[in-house]
Amino acid sequence: MQNESGEKVYSLSMDYVLELQQKGASETAIASELLKAELEKEESNKWVLSRLCDFYSVSYKLLTEVDSLLENGYLDTDSENQDEWKVIMSREDMTIMETIAVARFYTVAELKSHGNISVEIH
């Protein structure tokens, strides 16, 4: 897909972007609670604190980037069917979203495998 200037642009479905927004909000809250719990321990584990800070950071970044896309980006809402609505973004915005996704994936995996900490809502 290209914009009027001939630059390549990318799109994500509105439903998926709203799902990412909710995920960022809930994971930021989870990270905050886990950080509080770790800090309240008599002896906090510095490795766990570090990874939980990473998790908070990547979750908050996801939330703020999605909020920015929804506020300042181009929304393709031409269709009457809301399931077909799209969020259109530049290559730079898509690269940021991909980077956040990769960072989140590895942070969650590391917390799970090395810290035995699940950040999923059960």
C-alpha atoms as a PDB file:
ATOM      1  CA  MET A   1       0.000   0.000   0.000  1.00  0.00           C
ATOM      2  CA  GLN A   2       1.274   3.519  -0.759  1.00  0.00           C
ATOM      3  CA  ASN A   3       0.216   6.994   0.295  1.00  0.00           C
ATOM      4  CA  GLU A   4      -0.222   9.988  -2.025  1.00  0.00           C
ATOM      5  CA  SER A   5       3.532  10.683  -1.924  1.00  0.00           C
ATOM      6  CA  GLY A   6       4.303   7.176  -3.148  1.00  0.00           C
ATOM      7  CA  GLU A   7       5.762   6.112   0.215  1.00  0.00           C
ATOM      8  CA  LYS A   8       4.994   2.622   1.401  1.00  0.00           C
ATOM      9  CA  VAL A   9       2.499   2.536   4.276  1.00  0.00           C
ATOM     10  CA  TYR A  10       1.276  -0.294   6.476  1.00  0.00           C
ATOM     11  CA  SER A  11      -2.033  -1.122   8.072  1.00  0.00           C
ATOM     12  CA  LEU A  12      -3.371  -3.057  11.014  1.00  0.00           C
ATOM     13  CA  SER A  13      -7.014  -3.784  11.650  1.00  0.00           C
ATOM     14  CA  MET A  14      -8.679  -1.452  14.121  1.00  0.00           C
ATOM     15  CA  ASP A  15      -9.783  -4.455  16.192  1.00  0.00           C
ATOM     16  CA  TYR A  16      -6.181  -5.650  16.503  1.00  0.00           C
ATOM     17  CA  VAL A  17      -4.905  -2.184  17.438  1.00  0.00           C
ATOM     18  CA  LEU A  18      -7.596  -1.858  20.129  1.00  0.00           C
ATOM     19  CA  GLU A  19      -6.610  -5.314  21.395  1.00  0.00           C
ATOM     20  CA  LEU A  20      -2.972  -4.138  21.603  1.00  0.00           C
ATOM     21  CA  GLN A  21      -4.094  -1.031  23.485  1.00  0.00           C
ATOM     22  CA  GLN A  22      -5.949  -3.154  26.043  1.00  0.00           C
ATOM     23  CA  LYS A  23      -2.984  -5.525  26.330  1.00  0.00           C
ATOM     24  CA  GLY A  24      -0.612  -2.609  26.954  1.00  0.00           C
ATOM     25  CA  ALA A  25      -2.890  -1.191  29.646  1.00  0.00           C
ATOM     26  CA  SER A  26      -3.431  -4.482  31.455  1.00  0.00           C
ATOM     27  CA  GLU A  27       0.231  -5.517  31.249  1.00  0.00           C
ATOM     28  CA  THR A  28       1.366  -2.129  32.557  1.00  0.00           C
ATOM     29  CA  ALA A  29      -0.915  -2.656  35.564  1.00  0.00           C
ATOM     30  CA  ILE A  30       0.379  -6.223  36.068  1.00  0.00           C
ATOM     31  CA  ALA A  31       3.995  -5.061  35.847  1.00  0.00           C
ATOM     32  CA  SER A  32       3.315  -2.319  38.369  1.00  0.00           C
ATOM     33  CA  GLU A  33       1.795  -4.777  40.855  1.00  0.00           C
ATOM     34  CA  LEU A  34       4.639  -7.280  40.391  1.00  0.00           C
ATOM     35  CA  LEU A  35       7.206  -4.528  40.896  1.00  0.00           C
ATOM     36  CA  LYS A  36       5.490  -3.372  44.100  1.00  0.00           C
ATOM     37  CA  ALA A  37       5.423  -6.931  45.419  1.00  0.00           C
ATOM     38  CA  GLU A  38       9.111  -7.469  44.632  1.00  0.00           C
ATOM     39  CA  LEU A  39      10.112  -4.166  46.237  1.00  0.00           C
ATOM     40  CA  GLU A  40       8.178  -4.994  49.397  1.00  0.00           C
ATOM     41  CA  LYS A  41      10.261  -8.123  49.955  1.00  0.00           C
ATOM     42  CA  GLU A  42      12.930  -7.951  52.626  1.00  0.00           C
ATOM     43  CA  GLU A  43      15.562  -8.814  50.032  1.00  0.00           C
ATOM     44  CA  SER A  44      14.548  -7.962  46.482  1.00  0.00           C
ATOM     45  CA  ASN A  45      16.069  -9.969  43.673  1.00  0.00           C
ATOM     46  CA  LYS A  46      17.885  -7.457  41.471  1.00  0.00           C
ATOM     47  CA  TRP A  47      17.580  -9.670  38.368  1.00  0.00           C
ATOM     48  CA  VAL A  48      13.812  -9.950  38.847  1.00  0.00           C
ATOM     49  CA  LEU A  49      13.516  -6.212  39.490  1.00  0.00           C
ATOM     50  CA  SER A  50      15.463  -5.484  36.334  1.00  0.00           C
ATOM     51  CA  ARG A  51      13.307  -7.762  34.176  1.00  0.00           C
ATOM     52  CA  LEU A  52      10.086  -6.473  35.714  1.00  0.00           C
ATOM     53  CA  CYS A  53      11.236  -2.932  34.927  1.00  0.00           C
ATOM     54  CA  ASP A  54      11.864  -4.068  31.348  1.00  0.00           C
ATOM     55  CA  PHE A  55       8.378  -5.576  31.238  1.00  0.00           C
ATOM     56  CA  TYR A  56       6.811  -2.396  32.613  1.00  0.00           C
ATOM     57  CA  SER A  57       8.748  -0.302  30.115  1.00  0.00           C
ATOM     58  CA  VAL A  58       7.803  -2.375  27.059  1.00  0.00           C
ATOM     59  CA  SER A  59       4.149  -2.610  28.158  1.00  0.00           C
ATOM     60  CA  TYR A  60       3.931   1.130  28.720  1.00  0.00           C
ATOM     61  CA  LYS A  61       5.659   1.809  25.395  1.00  0.00           C
ATOM     62  CA  LEU A  62       3.122  -0.420  23.633  1.00  0.00           C
ATOM     63  CA  LEU A  63       0.277   1.502  25.264  1.00  0.00           C
ATOM     64  CA  THR A  64       1.674   4.946  24.440  1.00  0.00           C
ATOM     65  CA  GLU A  65       2.540   4.054  20.842  1.00  0.00           C
ATOM     66  CA  VAL A  66      -0.930   2.646  20.191  1.00  0.00           C
ATOM     67  CA  ASP A  67      -2.540   5.671  21.845  1.00  0.00           C
ATOM     68  CA  SER A  68      -0.436   7.925  19.620  1.00  0.00           C
ATOM     69  CA  LEU A  69      -1.407   5.993  16.489  1.00  0.00           C
ATOM     70  CA  LEU A  70      -5.089   6.257  17.375  1.00  0.00           C
ATOM     71  CA  GLU A  71      -4.860   9.967  18.218  1.00  0.00           C
ATOM     72  CA  ASN A  72      -2.526  11.187  15.495  1.00  0.00           C
ATOM     73  CA  GLY A  73      -2.523   8.517  12.821  1.00  0.00           C
ATOM     74  CA  TYR A  74      -4.707   7.996   9.805  1.00  0.00           C
ATOM     75  CA  LEU A  75      -7.745   5.827  10.430  1.00  0.00           C
ATOM     76  CA  ASP A  76      -9.393   4.242   7.405  1.00  0.00           C
ATOM     77  CA  THR A  77     -13.044   4.189   8.465  1.00  0.00           C
ATOM     78  CA  ASP A  78     -14.576   4.428   4.984  1.00  0.00           C
ATOM     79  CA  SER A  79     -16.334   1.089   5.266  1.00  0.00           C
ATOM     80  CA  GLU A  80     -19.680   0.885   7.035  1.00  0.00           C
ATOM     81  CA  ASN A  81     -18.492  -2.442   8.442  1.00  0.00           C
ATOM     82  CA  GLN A  82     -16.379  -1.620  11.498  1.00  0.00           C
ATOM     83  CA  ASP A  83     -14.597  -4.981  11.147  1.00  0.00           C
ATOM     84  CA  GLU A  84     -12.921  -3.550   8.030  1.00  0.00           C
ATOM     85  CA  TRP A  85     -11.602  -0.371   9.667  1.00  0.00           C
ATOM     86  CA  LYS A  86      -7.814  -0.005   9.548  1.00  0.00           C
ATOM     87  CA  VAL A  87      -5.078   2.017  11.206  1.00  0.00           C
ATOM     88  CA  ILE A  88      -2.635   3.221   8.543  1.00  0.00           C
ATOM     89  CA  MET A  89       0.962   3.889   9.572  1.00  0.00           C
ATOM     90  CA  SER A  90       4.343   4.777   8.173  1.00  0.00           C
ATOM     91  CA  ARG A  91       7.291   2.402   7.889  1.00  0.00           C
ATOM     92  CA  GLU A  92       8.793   4.073  10.970  1.00  0.00           C
ATOM     93  CA  ASP A  93       5.635   3.494  13.025  1.00  0.00           C
ATOM     94  CA  MET A  94       5.465  -0.137  11.901  1.00  0.00           C
ATOM     95  CA  THR A  95       9.139  -0.637  12.790  1.00  0.00           C
ATOM     96  CA  ILE A  96       8.480   0.764  16.265  1.00  0.00           C
ATOM     97  CA  MET A  97       5.511  -1.595  16.718  1.00  0.00           C
ATOM     98  CA  GLU A  98       7.591  -4.571  15.553  1.00  0.00           C
ATOM     99  CA  THR A  99      10.441  -3.641  17.893  1.00  0.00           C
ATOM    100  CA  ILE A 100       8.061  -3.387  20.845  1.00  0.00           C
ATOM    101  CA  ALA A 101       6.565  -6.795  19.975  1.00  0.00           C
ATOM    102  CA  VAL A 102       9.995  -8.453  19.811  1.00  0.00           C
ATOM    103  CA  ALA A 103      11.169  -6.812  23.050  1.00  0.00           C
ATOM    104  CA  ARG A 104       7.949  -7.852  24.791  1.00  0.00           C
ATOM    105  CA  PHE A 105       8.263 -11.438  23.526  1.00  0.00           C
ATOM    106  CA  TYR A 106      11.813 -11.885  24.813  1.00  0.00           C
ATOM    107  CA  THR A 107      11.152 -10.116  28.122  1.00  0.00           C
ATOM    108  CA  VAL A 108       8.105 -12.308  28.855  1.00  0.00           C
ATOM    109  CA  ALA A 109      10.007 -15.447  27.800  1.00  0.00           C
ATOM    110  CA  GLU A 110      12.939 -14.563  30.037  1.00  0.00           C
ATOM    111  CA  LEU A 111      10.692 -13.853  33.023  1.00  0.00           C
ATOM    112  CA  LYS A 112       8.981 -17.195  32.474  1.00  0.00           C
ATOM    113  CA  SER A 113      12.017 -19.380  31.829  1.00  0.00           C
ATOM    114  CA  HIS A 114      14.612 -17.850  34.156  1.00  0.00           C
ATOM    115  CA  GLY A 115      12.487 -16.140  36.778  1.00  0.00           C
ATOM    116  CA  ASN A 116       9.561 -18.584  36.901  1.00  0.00           C
ATOM    117  CA  ILE A 117       7.251 -15.569  36.706  1.00  0.00           C
ATOM    118  CA  SER A 118       4.090 -15.563  34.620  1.00  0.00           C
ATOM    119  CA  VAL A 119       2.760 -12.214  33.520  1.00  0.00           C
ATOM    120  CA  GLU A 120      -0.357 -13.634  31.891  1.00  0.00           C
ATOM    121  CA  ILE A 121      -3.804 -13.048  33.340  1.00  0.00           C
ATOM    122  CA  HIS A 122      -5.068 -16.401  34.573  1.00  0.00           C
END
